């Protein structure tokens, strides 16, 4: 599949102009290649493809033009060599662990990660003989106390979900180089438009494309971006286990990337204004937003991010009861298990996304009973603020 050369293009142009070569129909917009399999010219052509002597499509669980276009775009936007797309973000995380870890290995993971990621450790890695330890993402000195001779991976989210901790990726990379670890960074909240972890020293970047990459709450997907060598190690798991991205979802996500930059600009503009308003309110104990000067990770955020993103977390003074009242009093803001949508979304992590964790685990991850997470949408900022009825 031929792709326009991207080396001299700016981010926004790559997101729009990288696409599959036109078919004989001379379409302007890339079509969806909705097919489970592909035909071969003859027996020798089929043999060569199955033997990996020639490149081409065999079966959509292996490769598909629609999926490959999305993968090519994601690799280019993250400044990576290659990408594998998956059915969901969690499939991307699971595929990475299953491909790069084996029995007897040890994994290091930030305490501040999405709840389902904890469940992969507890329910699967342990029974496969893979050990793990959680670390304080903001205390690199503490990392030295948990790294082991058999540690293989360090997995981080920055900004984290839902507490918006900001981790210094360059410092994490230096730690990994010292201990010969692969650094895996979940870049879901920032997107490649705001932050490119590979340029800061990460080895692997993971996305839940369900969030900002789609941006309109329509389809699910995931992506793993890394060097060709690392992707080659993950590809057999994808090919054989089959958590593949559907051609339709890939087509939607590839089209969504065309508007990622302009959407993120508005998400960031709105979120900063809402965060500043929340910070002025007496009903709020604290506000976490990467580009607020009062934020603990502010200096790191402005070094490694273009802007602060669309996510805010804050704690209400009156705790759980105030959070329930806020959620139940809204008229416009959506209450749903997603983020990164055009529509503003409110969630209460302790009773939803992180509810399967113990209270101790939630506390360690910085999730109090009164913590509220906001995914700021593209509505007019005045309407968002007016719908947050704090008093």
Protein backbone atom coordinates (compact mmCIF):
# COMPACT_ATOMS: atom_id res chain seq x y z
CA UNK A 1 0.00 0.00 0.00
CA UNK A 2 1.45 3.33 -1.06
CA UNK A 3 1.26 6.24 1.38
CA UNK A 4 2.13 9.89 0.75
CA UNK A 5 5.55 10.80 2.14
CA UNK A 6 5.12 12.39 5.55
CA UNK A 7 8.62 13.47 6.55
CA UNK A 8 8.16 17.17 5.72
CA UNK A 9 4.51 17.51 6.69
CA UNK A 10 3.23 19.29 9.78
CA UNK A 11 1.01 17.39 12.25
CA UNK A 12 -2.31 18.65 10.92
CA UNK A 13 -1.34 17.85 7.31
CA UNK A 14 -0.22 14.33 8.17
CA UNK A 15 -3.52 13.67 9.91
CA UNK A 16 -5.43 14.70 6.78
CA UNK A 17 -3.24 13.73 3.84
CA UNK A 18 -1.80 10.34 4.79
CA UNK A 19 -4.16 7.88 3.17
CA UNK A 20 -4.39 4.71 1.15
CA UNK A 21 -3.59 4.99 -2.55
CA UNK A 22 -6.68 5.68 -4.64
CA UNK A 23 -8.41 2.75 -6.28
CA UNK A 24 -9.46 2.60 -9.93
CA UNK A 25 -12.62 4.47 -8.89
CA UNK A 26 -10.57 7.67 -8.29
CA UNK A 27 -12.29 8.46 -4.98
CA UNK A 28 -11.25 11.56 -3.03
CA UNK A 29 -12.13 10.15 0.40
CA UNK A 30 -10.70 6.74 1.26
CA UNK A 31 -13.31 3.96 1.05
CA UNK A 32 -13.90 1.31 3.70
CA UNK A 33 -12.41 -2.06 2.83
CA UNK A 34 -15.12 -4.18 4.40
CA UNK A 35 -13.92 -7.69 3.62
CA UNK A 36 -12.90 -10.65 5.73
CA UNK A 37 -10.38 -11.99 3.20
CA UNK A 38 -8.48 -11.16 0.02
CA UNK A 39 -7.93 -13.03 -3.24
CA UNK A 40 -4.58 -14.13 -4.69
CA UNK A 41 -3.31 -13.95 -8.24
CA UNK A 42 -2.27 -17.60 -8.31
CA UNK A 43 -0.87 -20.40 -6.14
CA UNK A 44 2.63 -18.90 -6.10
CA UNK A 45 1.32 -15.48 -5.02
CA UNK A 46 -0.62 -17.11 -2.17
CA UNK A 47 2.40 -19.15 -1.09
CA UNK A 48 4.70 -16.10 -1.10
CA UNK A 49 2.30 -14.08 1.04
CA UNK A 50 1.87 -16.83 3.61
CA UNK A 51 5.66 -17.30 3.70
CA UNK A 52 6.13 -13.52 4.31
CA UNK A 53 8.24 -13.31 1.16
CA UNK A 54 5.90 -10.67 -0.25
CA UNK A 55 3.83 -8.03 1.50
CA UNK A 56 0.09 -7.92 1.00
CA UNK A 57 -3.28 -8.71 2.49
CA UNK A 58 -4.32 -12.27 3.38
CA UNK A 59 -7.07 -12.04 5.99
CA UNK A 60 -8.47 -9.02 7.86
CA UNK A 61 -7.47 -10.45 11.23
CA UNK A 62 -3.87 -10.10 9.96
CA UNK A 63 -3.99 -6.94 7.85
CA UNK A 64 -6.60 -4.75 6.19
CA UNK A 65 -6.14 -1.58 4.10
CA UNK A 66 -8.54 0.47 6.26
CA UNK A 67 -6.78 -0.63 9.44
CA UNK A 68 -3.35 -0.09 7.89
CA UNK A 69 -4.19 3.49 6.97
CA UNK A 70 -5.13 4.22 10.58
CA UNK A 71 -1.96 2.50 11.82
CA UNK A 72 0.20 4.48 9.39
CA UNK A 73 -1.33 7.75 10.54
CA UNK A 74 -0.92 6.95 14.23
CA UNK A 75 2.73 5.97 13.76
CA UNK A 76 3.42 9.18 11.85
CA UNK A 77 1.62 11.41 14.36
CA UNK A 78 3.44 9.81 17.33
CA UNK A 79 6.78 9.95 15.48
CA UNK A 80 7.07 6.17 15.72
CA UNK A 81 8.26 3.59 13.24
CA UNK A 82 5.19 1.36 13.23
CA UNK A 83 1.80 0.75 14.83
CA UNK A 84 -0.60 -2.10 15.53
CA UNK A 85 -4.28 -1.23 15.92
CA UNK A 86 -6.48 -3.20 18.31
CA UNK A 87 -10.18 -3.56 19.03
CA UNK A 88 -10.00 -1.47 22.23
CA UNK A 89 -7.50 0.38 24.41
CA UNK A 90 -7.53 -2.45 26.94
CA UNK A 91 -6.74 -4.90 24.13
CA UNK A 92 -3.69 -2.77 23.32
CA UNK A 93 -2.49 -2.94 26.93
CA UNK A 94 -3.16 -6.67 27.22
CA UNK A 95 -1.46 -7.43 23.89
CA UNK A 96 1.63 -5.49 24.98
CA UNK A 97 1.93 -7.34 28.29
CA UNK A 98 1.13 -10.77 26.80
CA UNK A 99 3.70 -10.31 24.02
CA UNK A 100 6.59 -8.83 25.95
CA UNK A 101 6.32 -10.55 29.35
CA UNK A 102 6.71 -14.20 30.27
CA UNK A 103 6.57 -16.37 33.37
CA UNK A 104 9.24 -15.26 35.85
CA UNK A 105 9.25 -11.64 34.66
CA UNK A 106 8.42 -8.63 36.82
CA UNK A 107 6.35 -5.57 35.86
CA UNK A 108 6.45 -2.10 37.39
CA UNK A 109 3.29 -0.04 37.12
CA UNK A 110 2.16 3.35 38.34
CA UNK A 111 -0.52 3.29 41.03
CA UNK A 112 -2.32 5.96 39.01
CA UNK A 113 -3.74 3.97 36.09
CA UNK A 114 -7.17 3.03 34.77
CA UNK A 115 -9.04 0.50 36.91
CA UNK A 116 -9.22 -2.29 34.31
CA UNK A 117 -5.43 -2.25 34.02
CA UNK A 118 -5.21 -3.28 37.68
CA UNK A 119 -7.53 -6.18 36.91
CA UNK A 120 -5.22 -7.51 34.17
CA UNK A 121 -2.50 -7.81 36.81
CA UNK A 122 -4.69 -9.43 39.45
CA UNK A 123 -6.70 -11.78 37.24
CA UNK A 124 -4.22 -12.82 34.54
CA UNK A 125 -0.57 -11.92 35.01
CA UNK A 126 -0.34 -13.49 38.46
CA UNK A 127 -1.65 -16.87 37.33
CA UNK A 128 0.86 -16.82 34.47
CA UNK A 129 3.74 -16.38 36.91
CA UNK A 130 4.34 -12.70 36.16
CA UNK A 131 4.92 -10.59 39.27
CA UNK A 132 4.27 -6.87 39.58
CA UNK A 133 4.71 -3.94 41.93
CA UNK A 134 2.98 -0.57 41.99
CA UNK A 135 4.95 2.61 42.41
CA UNK A 136 4.30 6.22 43.30
CA UNK A 137 4.44 7.92 39.88
CA UNK A 138 5.70 11.18 41.37
CA UNK A 139 8.50 9.76 43.54
CA UNK A 140 11.24 8.41 41.29
CA UNK A 141 13.52 7.80 44.27
CA UNK A 142 10.96 5.25 45.50
CA UNK A 143 11.18 3.40 42.18
CA UNK A 144 14.65 2.19 43.09
CA UNK A 145 13.20 0.25 46.02
CA UNK A 146 10.85 -1.84 43.85
CA UNK A 147 12.83 -2.49 40.66
CA UNK A 148 14.24 -6.03 40.46
CA UNK A 149 16.74 -7.93 38.39
CA UNK A 150 13.87 -9.58 36.48
CA UNK A 151 11.89 -6.37 35.88
CA UNK A 152 11.15 -5.98 32.16
CA UNK A 153 8.59 -3.18 31.77
CA UNK A 154 7.60 0.10 33.39
CA UNK A 155 4.01 1.13 32.57
CA UNK A 156 2.80 4.69 33.15
CA UNK A 157 -0.09 6.98 32.29
CA UNK A 158 0.59 10.69 31.98
CA UNK A 159 -1.64 12.55 32.52
CA UNK A 160 -3.08 9.75 34.63
CA UNK A 161 -6.69 8.61 34.84
CA UNK A 162 -8.47 10.02 36.79
CA UNK A 163 -6.12 12.00 39.06
CA UNK A 164 -4.23 13.80 36.26
CA UNK A 165 -0.80 13.14 37.76
CA UNK A 166 1.95 14.40 35.47
CA UNK A 167 4.98 12.13 35.21
CA UNK A 168 8.31 13.34 33.85
CA UNK A 169 8.76 11.08 30.82
CA UNK A 170 12.42 12.01 30.31
CA UNK A 171 13.20 11.13 33.92
CA UNK A 172 11.27 7.87 33.61
CA UNK A 173 13.20 7.08 30.43
CA UNK A 174 16.53 7.68 32.19
CA UNK A 175 15.45 5.30 34.97
CA UNK A 176 14.50 2.65 32.41
CA UNK A 177 17.78 3.00 30.53
CA UNK A 178 19.69 2.58 33.80
CA UNK A 179 17.81 -0.65 34.59
CA UNK A 180 17.39 -1.97 31.02
CA UNK A 181 13.58 -1.71 31.05
CA UNK A 182 11.08 -0.93 28.32
CA UNK A 183 9.09 2.23 29.06
CA UNK A 184 5.41 2.01 28.10
CA UNK A 185 3.41 5.27 28.22
CA UNK A 186 -0.36 5.49 27.88
CA UNK A 187 -0.85 8.74 25.96
CA UNK A 188 -4.65 8.58 25.82
CA UNK A 189 -5.40 11.81 27.70
CA UNK A 190 -2.83 13.94 25.87
CA UNK A 191 -3.08 12.48 22.34
CA UNK A 192 -0.10 12.82 19.96
CA UNK A 193 -1.17 16.38 19.25
CA UNK A 194 -0.28 17.52 22.78
CA UNK A 195 2.47 15.07 23.77
CA UNK A 196 4.79 12.62 21.98
CA UNK A 197 6.32 10.24 24.52
CA UNK A 198 8.58 8.48 21.99
CA UNK A 199 10.45 11.75 21.42
CA UNK A 200 10.90 12.02 25.20
CA UNK A 201 12.42 8.54 25.55
CA UNK A 202 9.49 6.12 25.78
CA UNK A 203 9.78 2.80 23.93
CA UNK A 204 6.07 2.11 23.45
CA UNK A 205 3.03 4.39 23.32
CA UNK A 206 -0.49 3.05 23.89
CA UNK A 207 -3.83 4.67 23.09
CA UNK A 208 -7.45 3.99 23.73
CA UNK A 209 -8.57 5.39 20.39
CA UNK A 210 -12.13 5.18 21.75
CA UNK A 211 -11.46 8.49 23.49
CA UNK A 212 -10.04 11.62 21.82
CA UNK A 213 -8.87 9.88 18.65
CA UNK A 214 -12.50 9.13 17.76
CA UNK A 215 -13.67 12.18 19.68
CA UNK A 216 -17.41 11.70 19.19
CA UNK A 217 -18.27 8.63 21.26
CA UNK A 218 -18.97 6.39 18.27
CA UNK A 219 -16.51 3.50 18.03
CA UNK A 220 -13.92 1.64 20.07
CA UNK A 221 -10.30 1.03 19.17
CA UNK A 222 -6.74 0.95 20.43
CA UNK A 223 -3.24 1.48 19.14
CA UNK A 224 0.32 0.44 20.01
CA UNK A 225 3.13 2.53 18.53
CA UNK A 226 6.81 1.59 18.79
CA UNK A 227 9.89 0.62 16.80
CA UNK A 228 9.49 -1.96 14.05
CA UNK A 229 11.41 -4.45 16.18
CA UNK A 230 8.99 -4.16 19.10
CA UNK A 231 5.92 -4.23 16.83
CA UNK A 232 7.24 -7.43 15.23
CA UNK A 233 7.23 -9.05 18.68
CA UNK A 234 3.61 -8.02 19.32
CA UNK A 235 2.23 -8.86 15.86
CA UNK A 236 2.12 -12.68 16.34
CA UNK A 237 -0.12 -12.26 19.40
CA UNK A 238 -2.43 -9.99 17.42
CA UNK A 239 -2.48 -12.38 14.48
CA UNK A 240 -3.20 -15.48 16.55
CA UNK A 241 -5.28 -14.19 19.49
CA UNK A 242 -7.26 -11.89 17.23
CA UNK A 243 -8.09 -8.66 19.16
CA UNK A 244 -8.15 -6.93 15.77
CA UNK A 245 -9.66 -3.56 14.90
CA UNK A 246 -12.60 -3.78 12.50
CA UNK A 247 -12.27 -2.07 9.10
CA UNK A 248 -15.32 0.09 9.82
CA UNK A 249 -13.95 1.33 13.15
CA UNK A 250 -10.54 1.92 11.55
CA UNK A 251 -12.16 4.01 8.81
CA UNK A 252 -14.04 6.11 11.40
CA UNK A 253 -10.88 6.61 13.48
CA UNK A 254 -8.78 7.55 10.46
CA UNK A 255 -11.35 10.16 9.46
CA UNK A 256 -11.49 11.40 13.06
CA UNK A 257 -7.76 12.05 13.05
CA UNK A 258 -8.34 14.67 10.35
CA UNK A 259 -9.97 16.93 12.96
CA UNK A 260 -7.93 15.92 16.03
CA UNK A 261 -5.81 19.08 16.18
CA UNK A 262 -8.68 21.53 15.88
CA UNK A 263 -10.80 19.55 18.36
CA UNK A 264 -8.00 19.38 20.93
CA UNK A 265 -7.43 23.13 20.65
CA UNK A 266 -11.04 23.74 21.72
CA UNK A 267 -11.00 21.00 24.40
CA UNK A 268 -7.92 22.64 25.94
CA UNK A 269 -9.28 26.17 25.72
CA UNK A 270 -12.55 25.19 27.38
CA UNK A 271 -10.93 23.00 30.03
CA UNK A 272 -8.52 25.69 31.20
CA UNK A 273 -11.38 28.17 31.64
CA UNK A 274 -13.49 25.63 33.56
CA UNK A 275 -10.51 24.67 35.75
CA UNK A 276 -9.82 28.32 36.59
CA UNK A 277 -13.50 28.81 37.49
CA UNK A 278 -13.56 25.69 39.68
CA UNK A 279 -10.41 26.85 41.47
CA UNK A 280 -12.20 30.05 42.51
CA UNK A 281 -15.15 28.20 44.08
CA UNK A 282 -15.35 27.72 47.88
CA UNK A 283 -17.15 24.37 47.40
CA UNK A 284 -13.99 22.87 45.86
CA UNK A 285 -11.05 21.54 47.90
CA UNK A 286 -8.66 21.29 44.98
CA UNK A 287 -8.56 21.21 41.18
CA UNK A 288 -6.17 19.13 39.11
CA UNK A 289 -5.48 20.36 35.61
CA UNK A 290 -2.01 20.12 34.01
CA UNK A 291 -1.77 23.76 32.93
CA UNK A 292 -2.93 25.33 36.19
CA UNK A 293 0.10 26.96 37.88
CA UNK A 294 -1.15 25.59 41.22
CA UNK A 295 -0.92 22.01 39.92
CA UNK A 296 1.90 19.89 41.38
CA UNK A 297 3.03 18.78 37.93
CA UNK A 298 2.71 22.17 36.23
CA UNK A 299 6.41 22.67 35.46
CA UNK A 300 6.69 19.16 34.00
CA UNK A 301 3.46 19.57 32.04
CA UNK A 302 4.52 22.77 30.30
CA UNK A 303 7.83 21.13 29.34
CA UNK A 304 6.38 18.00 27.76
CA UNK A 305 2.86 19.00 26.68
CA UNK A 306 1.67 21.54 24.12
CA UNK A 307 -1.44 22.34 26.20
CA UNK A 308 -3.28 20.92 29.20
CA UNK A 309 -5.81 18.64 27.50
CA UNK A 310 -9.53 18.30 28.06
CA UNK A 311 -9.64 16.46 31.40
CA UNK A 312 -10.15 17.98 34.85
CA UNK A 313 -10.45 16.32 38.24
CA UNK A 314 -11.53 18.09 41.40
CA UNK A 315 -12.67 17.29 44.92
CA UNK A 316 -15.75 18.76 46.51
CA UNK A 317 -15.51 19.99 50.10
CA UNK A 318 -18.58 18.04 51.21
CA UNK A 319 -17.40 14.75 49.70
CA UNK A 320 -19.61 12.00 48.33
CA UNK A 321 -22.97 13.64 49.08
CA UNK A 322 -21.95 16.84 47.29
CA UNK A 323 -20.71 14.82 44.33
CA UNK A 324 -24.01 12.97 44.05
CA UNK A 325 -25.91 16.25 44.26
CA UNK A 326 -23.75 17.80 41.54
CA UNK A 327 -24.23 14.83 39.22
CA UNK A 328 -27.99 14.68 39.79
CA UNK A 329 -28.50 18.44 39.32
CA UNK A 330 -26.92 18.67 35.86
CA UNK A 331 -29.18 19.33 32.86
CA UNK A 332 -26.80 19.25 29.88
CA UNK A 333 -23.62 17.47 30.93
CA UNK A 334 -23.64 13.74 30.18
CA UNK A 335 -23.30 11.02 32.82
CA UNK A 336 -21.69 8.17 30.91
CA UNK A 337 -18.72 5.80 31.05
CA UNK A 338 -16.53 7.48 28.48
CA UNK A 339 -14.36 10.56 27.91
CA UNK A 340 -12.87 12.55 25.07
CA UNK A 341 -16.28 13.24 23.49
CA UNK A 342 -17.55 16.41 21.82
CA UNK A 343 -20.02 16.47 24.73
CA UNK A 344 -18.93 17.27 28.27
CA UNK A 345 -19.04 14.21 30.54
CA UNK A 346 -19.02 13.94 34.33
CA UNK A 347 -18.11 10.80 36.30
CA UNK A 348 -17.57 9.75 39.88
CA UNK A 349 -14.57 7.35 39.68
CA UNK A 350 -15.05 5.78 43.14
CA UNK A 351 -18.46 4.43 42.12
CA UNK A 352 -17.79 3.74 38.44
CA UNK A 353 -14.48 3.41 36.59
CA UNK A 354 -12.49 2.44 39.72
CA UNK A 355 -15.29 0.82 41.73
CA UNK A 356 -13.79 -2.68 41.47
CA UNK A 357 -10.70 -1.53 43.37
CA UNK A 358 -10.56 -1.75 47.13
CA UNK A 359 -10.81 1.48 49.11
CA UNK A 360 -7.10 1.12 49.92
CA UNK A 361 -6.22 0.79 46.23
CA UNK A 362 -8.34 3.83 45.38
CA UNK A 363 -6.66 5.85 48.12
CA UNK A 364 -3.23 4.86 46.85
CA UNK A 365 -4.28 5.95 43.36
CA UNK A 366 -5.42 9.33 44.71
CA UNK A 367 -9.13 8.62 44.25
CA UNK A 368 -11.16 9.96 47.15
CA UNK A 369 -14.89 9.40 47.60
CA UNK A 370 -15.54 13.01 46.62
CA UNK A 371 -13.37 13.10 43.50
CA UNK A 372 -15.14 14.20 40.32
CA UNK A 373 -13.75 13.75 36.81
CA UNK A 374 -14.80 16.07 34.01
CA UNK A 375 -14.18 15.44 30.33
CA UNK A 376 -14.68 18.91 28.89
CA UNK A 377 -16.42 18.92 25.53
CA UNK A 378 -16.75 21.35 22.64
CA UNK A 379 -19.88 23.17 23.79
CA UNK A 380 -19.65 26.88 24.59
CA UNK A 381 -17.70 27.18 27.82
CA UNK A 382 -20.36 29.39 29.45
CA UNK A 383 -22.94 26.63 29.05
CA UNK A 384 -20.59 24.08 30.61
CA UNK A 385 -19.95 26.30 33.63
CA UNK A 386 -23.63 27.13 34.03
CA UNK A 387 -24.49 23.43 34.18
CA UNK A 388 -22.03 22.77 37.04
CA UNK A 389 -24.35 23.62 39.90
CA UNK A 390 -21.99 23.56 42.88
CA UNK A 391 -24.25 25.37 45.32
